[in-house]
Amino acid sequence: MTDEQMQNLLTSIIEMKNNLERMAEKQEEMISDVKEIKKAVYDPESGLYARIKELENWKESMSKVIWTIGTGFIGLVLNTLYQNIGG
């Protein structure tokens, strides 16, 4: 091998080493991002699942309120009709 070939080989090895170091840095960054995403989804107090459960509970309670108001309104209408027709 000539000196020029050795120099090219050495340069290539150094470039590969630098690329591997950058890949390792990016991998650490990616791990950090995945941890943040996991926390945002699974955190029991403010995560996505907690928010969905909160919305489902709100929807269920509002459904009960709407049924109560609707039943009361129908009762008032029927009472008014009864008083006007029967009275």
N, C-alpha and C. Protein backbone atom coordinates (compact mmCIF):
# COMPACT_ATOMS: atom_id res chain seq x y z
N MET A 1 0.84 -1.17 0.00
CA MET A 1 0.00 0.00 0.00
C MET A 1 0.89 1.24 0.00
N THR A 2 0.47 2.21 -0.76
CA THR A 2 1.26 3.43 -0.84
C THR A 2 0.86 4.36 0.29
N ASP A 3 1.66 5.37 0.47
CA ASP A 3 1.36 6.35 1.52
C ASP A 3 0.05 7.07 1.26
N GLU A 4 -0.22 7.34 0.01
CA GLU A 4 -1.47 8.03 -0.34
C GLU A 4 -2.68 7.14 -0.04
N GLN A 5 -2.60 5.87 -0.32
CA GLN A 5 -3.68 4.94 -0.02
C GLN A 5 -3.87 4.81 1.50
N MET A 6 -2.75 4.78 2.21
CA MET A 6 -2.83 4.71 3.68
C MET A 6 -3.51 5.96 4.24
N GLN A 7 -3.16 7.11 3.68
CA GLN A 7 -3.74 8.37 4.13
C GLN A 7 -5.24 8.39 3.83
N ASN A 8 -5.64 7.90 2.63
CA ASN A 8 -7.07 7.84 2.28
C ASN A 8 -7.82 6.89 3.21
N LEU A 9 -7.20 5.76 3.52
CA LEU A 9 -7.81 4.81 4.43
C LEU A 9 -7.97 5.40 5.82
N LEU A 10 -6.94 6.08 6.30
CA LEU A 10 -6.99 6.73 7.61
C LEU A 10 -8.08 7.81 7.65
N THR A 11 -8.17 8.59 6.58
CA THR A 11 -9.19 9.63 6.49
C THR A 11 -10.59 9.01 6.51
N SER A 12 -10.76 7.93 5.77
CA SER A 12 -12.06 7.25 5.74
C SER A 12 -12.43 6.70 7.12
N ILE A 13 -11.46 6.14 7.81
CA ILE A 13 -11.71 5.60 9.16
C ILE A 13 -12.10 6.72 10.11
N ILE A 14 -11.43 7.85 10.03
CA ILE A 14 -11.74 9.00 10.89
C ILE A 14 -13.14 9.52 10.59
N GLU A 15 -13.51 9.58 9.31
CA GLU A 15 -14.85 10.03 8.93
C GLU A 15 -15.91 9.07 9.47
N MET A 16 -15.65 7.77 9.37
CA MET A 16 -16.58 6.78 9.91
C MET A 16 -16.73 6.93 11.42
N LYS A 17 -15.62 7.19 12.10
CA LYS A 17 -15.66 7.38 13.55
C LYS A 17 -16.50 8.60 13.90
N ASN A 18 -16.31 9.68 13.16
CA ASN A 18 -17.09 10.90 13.40
C ASN A 18 -18.58 10.66 13.14
N ASN A 19 -18.87 9.91 12.08
CA ASN A 19 -20.26 9.61 11.76
C ASN A 19 -20.90 8.75 12.86
N LEU A 20 -20.16 7.80 13.38
CA LEU A 20 -20.68 6.96 14.47
C LEU A 20 -20.93 7.79 15.72
N GLU A 21 -20.06 8.73 16.01
CA GLU A 21 -20.25 9.59 17.18
C GLU A 21 -21.51 10.45 17.02
N ARG A 22 -21.73 10.99 15.82
CA ARG A 22 -22.93 11.79 15.56
C ARG A 22 -24.19 10.92 15.67
N MET A 23 -24.09 9.69 15.17
CA MET A 23 -25.23 8.78 15.28
C MET A 23 -25.55 8.48 16.75
N ALA A 24 -24.52 8.31 17.56
CA ALA A 24 -24.73 8.05 18.98
C ALA A 24 -25.39 9.25 19.66
N GLU A 25 -24.96 10.46 19.28
CA GLU A 25 -25.57 11.66 19.84
C GLU A 25 -27.04 11.76 19.44
N LYS A 26 -27.33 11.50 18.18
CA LYS A 26 -28.70 11.57 17.69
C LYS A 26 -29.57 10.49 18.36
N GLN A 27 -28.98 9.33 18.61
CA GLN A 27 -29.72 8.27 19.26
C GLN A 27 -30.08 8.67 20.69
N GLU A 28 -29.16 9.30 21.40
CA GLU A 28 -29.46 9.80 22.76
C GLU A 28 -30.58 10.83 22.71
N GLU A 29 -30.54 11.69 21.71
CA GLU A 29 -31.57 12.71 21.55
C GLU A 29 -32.92 12.04 21.27
N MET A 30 -32.90 11.01 20.44
CA MET A 30 -34.12 10.29 20.11
C MET A 30 -34.69 9.58 21.34
N ILE A 31 -33.84 9.02 22.15
CA ILE A 31 -34.29 8.35 23.38
C ILE A 31 -34.96 9.36 24.29
N SER A 32 -34.37 10.54 24.40
CA SER A 32 -34.96 11.59 25.23
C SER A 32 -36.34 11.99 24.70
N ASP A 33 -36.45 12.13 23.38
CA ASP A 33 -37.74 12.49 22.78
C ASP A 33 -38.79 11.41 23.02
N VAL A 34 -38.40 10.16 22.90
CA VAL A 34 -39.34 9.06 23.12
C VAL A 34 -39.81 9.05 24.58
N LYS A 35 -38.91 9.35 25.51
CA LYS A 35 -39.30 9.41 26.92
C LYS A 35 -40.32 10.52 27.16
N GLU A 36 -40.12 11.67 26.50
CA GLU A 36 -41.06 12.77 26.64
C GLU A 36 -42.43 12.41 26.06
N ILE A 37 -42.42 11.73 24.92
CA ILE A 37 -43.68 11.31 24.30
C ILE A 37 -44.39 10.31 25.21
N LYS A 38 -43.65 9.38 25.75
CA LYS A 38 -44.23 8.38 26.64
C LYS A 38 -44.86 9.05 27.86
N LYS A 39 -44.18 10.05 28.40
CA LYS A 39 -44.72 10.77 29.56
C LYS A 39 -45.99 11.52 29.17
N ALA A 40 -45.98 12.14 27.99
CA ALA A 40 -47.15 12.90 27.55
C ALA A 40 -48.36 12.00 27.33
N VAL A 41 -48.13 10.76 26.97
CA VAL A 41 -49.24 9.84 26.72
C VAL A 41 -49.71 9.16 28.00
N TYR A 42 -48.77 8.68 28.81
CA TYR A 42 -49.12 7.81 29.92
C TYR A 42 -49.12 8.46 31.30
N ASP A 43 -48.76 9.73 31.42
CA ASP A 43 -48.74 10.38 32.73
C ASP A 43 -50.14 10.32 33.34
N PRO A 44 -50.26 9.78 34.58
CA PRO A 44 -51.59 9.57 35.15
C PRO A 44 -52.35 10.86 35.48
N GLU A 45 -51.66 11.98 35.58
CA GLU A 45 -52.34 13.22 35.95
C GLU A 45 -52.62 14.13 34.75
N SER A 46 -51.69 14.19 33.80
CA SER A 46 -51.88 15.12 32.68
C SER A 46 -51.64 14.47 31.33
N GLY A 47 -51.53 13.17 31.28
CA GLY A 47 -51.27 12.47 30.03
C GLY A 47 -52.51 12.38 29.16
N LEU A 48 -52.31 11.89 27.97
CA LEU A 48 -53.39 11.78 27.00
C LEU A 48 -54.52 10.88 27.51
N TYR A 49 -54.16 9.75 28.08
CA TYR A 49 -55.19 8.84 28.60
C TYR A 49 -55.97 9.48 29.75
N ALA A 50 -55.29 10.24 30.58
CA ALA A 50 -55.99 10.92 31.68
C ALA A 50 -56.97 11.96 31.14
N ARG A 51 -56.55 12.67 30.11
CA ARG A 51 -57.43 13.68 29.52
C ARG A 51 -58.65 13.04 28.86
N ILE A 52 -58.43 11.93 28.17
CA ILE A 52 -59.54 11.24 27.52
C ILE A 52 -60.53 10.74 28.57
N LYS A 53 -60.02 10.18 29.65
CA LYS A 53 -60.90 9.69 30.72
C LYS A 53 -61.70 10.85 31.32
N GLU A 54 -61.03 11.99 31.51
CA GLU A 54 -61.71 13.17 32.05
C GLU A 54 -62.83 13.62 31.11
N LEU A 55 -62.56 13.62 29.81
CA LEU A 55 -63.58 14.01 28.84
C LEU A 55 -64.74 13.02 28.81
N GLU A 56 -64.44 11.73 28.94
CA GLU A 56 -65.50 10.74 28.98
C GLU A 56 -66.37 10.92 30.21
N ASN A 57 -65.75 11.21 31.34
CA ASN A 57 -66.52 11.44 32.57
C ASN A 57 -67.40 12.68 32.43
N TRP A 58 -66.85 13.75 31.82
CA TRP A 58 -67.61 14.98 31.60
C TRP A 58 -68.80 14.70 30.69
N LYS A 59 -68.54 13.94 29.62
CA LYS A 59 -69.60 13.62 28.67
C LYS A 59 -70.72 12.83 29.35
N GLU A 60 -70.34 11.88 30.19
CA GLU A 60 -71.33 11.07 30.89
C GLU A 60 -72.17 11.93 31.83
N SER A 61 -71.53 12.83 32.57
CA SER A 61 -72.28 13.68 33.51
C SER A 61 -73.17 14.67 32.75
N MET A 62 -72.67 15.20 31.62
CA MET A 62 -73.49 16.13 30.83
C MET A 62 -74.68 15.41 30.21
N SER A 63 -74.50 14.16 29.85
CA SER A 63 -75.60 13.38 29.30
C SER A 63 -76.70 13.24 30.35
N LYS A 64 -76.33 13.00 31.59
CA LYS A 64 -77.30 12.89 32.66
C LYS A 64 -78.03 14.21 32.88
N VAL A 65 -77.28 15.31 32.83
CA VAL A 65 -77.88 16.64 33.00
C VAL A 65 -78.86 16.92 31.88
N ILE A 66 -78.49 16.61 30.65
CA ILE A 66 -79.38 16.86 29.50
C ILE A 66 -80.65 16.04 29.62
N TRP A 67 -80.52 14.77 30.02
CA TRP A 67 -81.70 13.94 30.19
C TRP A 67 -82.60 14.49 31.30
N THR A 68 -82.00 14.98 32.37
CA THR A 68 -82.79 15.54 33.47
C THR A 68 -83.53 16.79 33.01
N ILE A 69 -82.84 17.66 32.31
CA ILE A 69 -83.48 18.89 31.81
C ILE A 69 -84.56 18.55 30.80
N GLY A 70 -84.27 17.61 29.91
CA GLY A 70 -85.26 17.20 28.90
C GLY A 70 -86.50 16.60 29.53
N THR A 71 -86.31 15.76 30.53
CA THR A 71 -87.45 15.15 31.22
C THR A 71 -88.26 16.22 31.94
N GLY A 72 -87.61 17.17 32.57
CA GLY A 72 -88.32 18.26 33.25
C GLY A 72 -89.10 19.11 32.27
N PHE A 73 -88.51 19.39 31.11
CA PHE A 73 -89.18 20.19 30.09
C PHE A 73 -90.42 19.47 29.57
N ILE A 74 -90.29 18.19 29.30
CA ILE A 74 -91.44 17.42 28.82
C ILE A 74 -92.53 17.39 29.89
N GLY A 75 -92.12 17.24 31.14
CA GLY A 75 -93.10 17.27 32.23
C GLY A 75 -93.83 18.60 32.29
N LEU A 76 -93.12 19.70 32.11
CA LEU A 76 -93.78 21.02 32.12
C LEU A 76 -94.74 21.18 30.95
N VAL A 77 -94.31 20.69 29.77
CA VAL A 77 -95.19 20.79 28.60
C VAL A 77 -96.45 19.95 28.82
N LEU A 78 -96.30 18.75 29.31
CA LEU A 78 -97.47 17.90 29.57
C LEU A 78 -98.36 18.50 30.64
N ASN A 79 -97.78 19.09 31.66
CA ASN A 79 -98.56 19.73 32.72
C ASN A 79 -99.35 20.91 32.15
N THR A 80 -98.69 21.70 31.31
CA THR A 80 -99.36 22.84 30.71
C THR A 80 -100.52 22.38 29.80
N LEU A 81 -100.26 21.36 29.01
CA LEU A 81 -101.34 20.82 28.14
C LEU A 81 -102.51 20.28 28.98
N TYR A 82 -102.20 19.59 30.04
CA TYR A 82 -103.24 19.02 30.90
C TYR A 82 -104.09 20.12 31.53
N GLN A 83 -103.41 21.18 31.98
CA GLN A 83 -104.15 22.29 32.61
C GLN A 83 -105.00 23.03 31.59
N ASN A 84 -104.47 23.20 30.35
CA ASN A 84 -105.23 23.92 29.34
C ASN A 84 -106.39 23.08 28.78
N ILE A 85 -106.16 21.79 28.61
CA ILE A 85 -107.21 20.95 28.05
C ILE A 85 -108.20 20.53 29.15
N GLY A 86 -107.69 20.15 30.28
CA GLY A 86 -108.56 19.62 31.34
C GLY A 86 -109.21 20.71 32.17
N GLY A 87 -108.64 21.88 32.18
CA GLY A 87 -109.09 22.86 33.12
C GLY A 87 -110.07 23.81 32.67
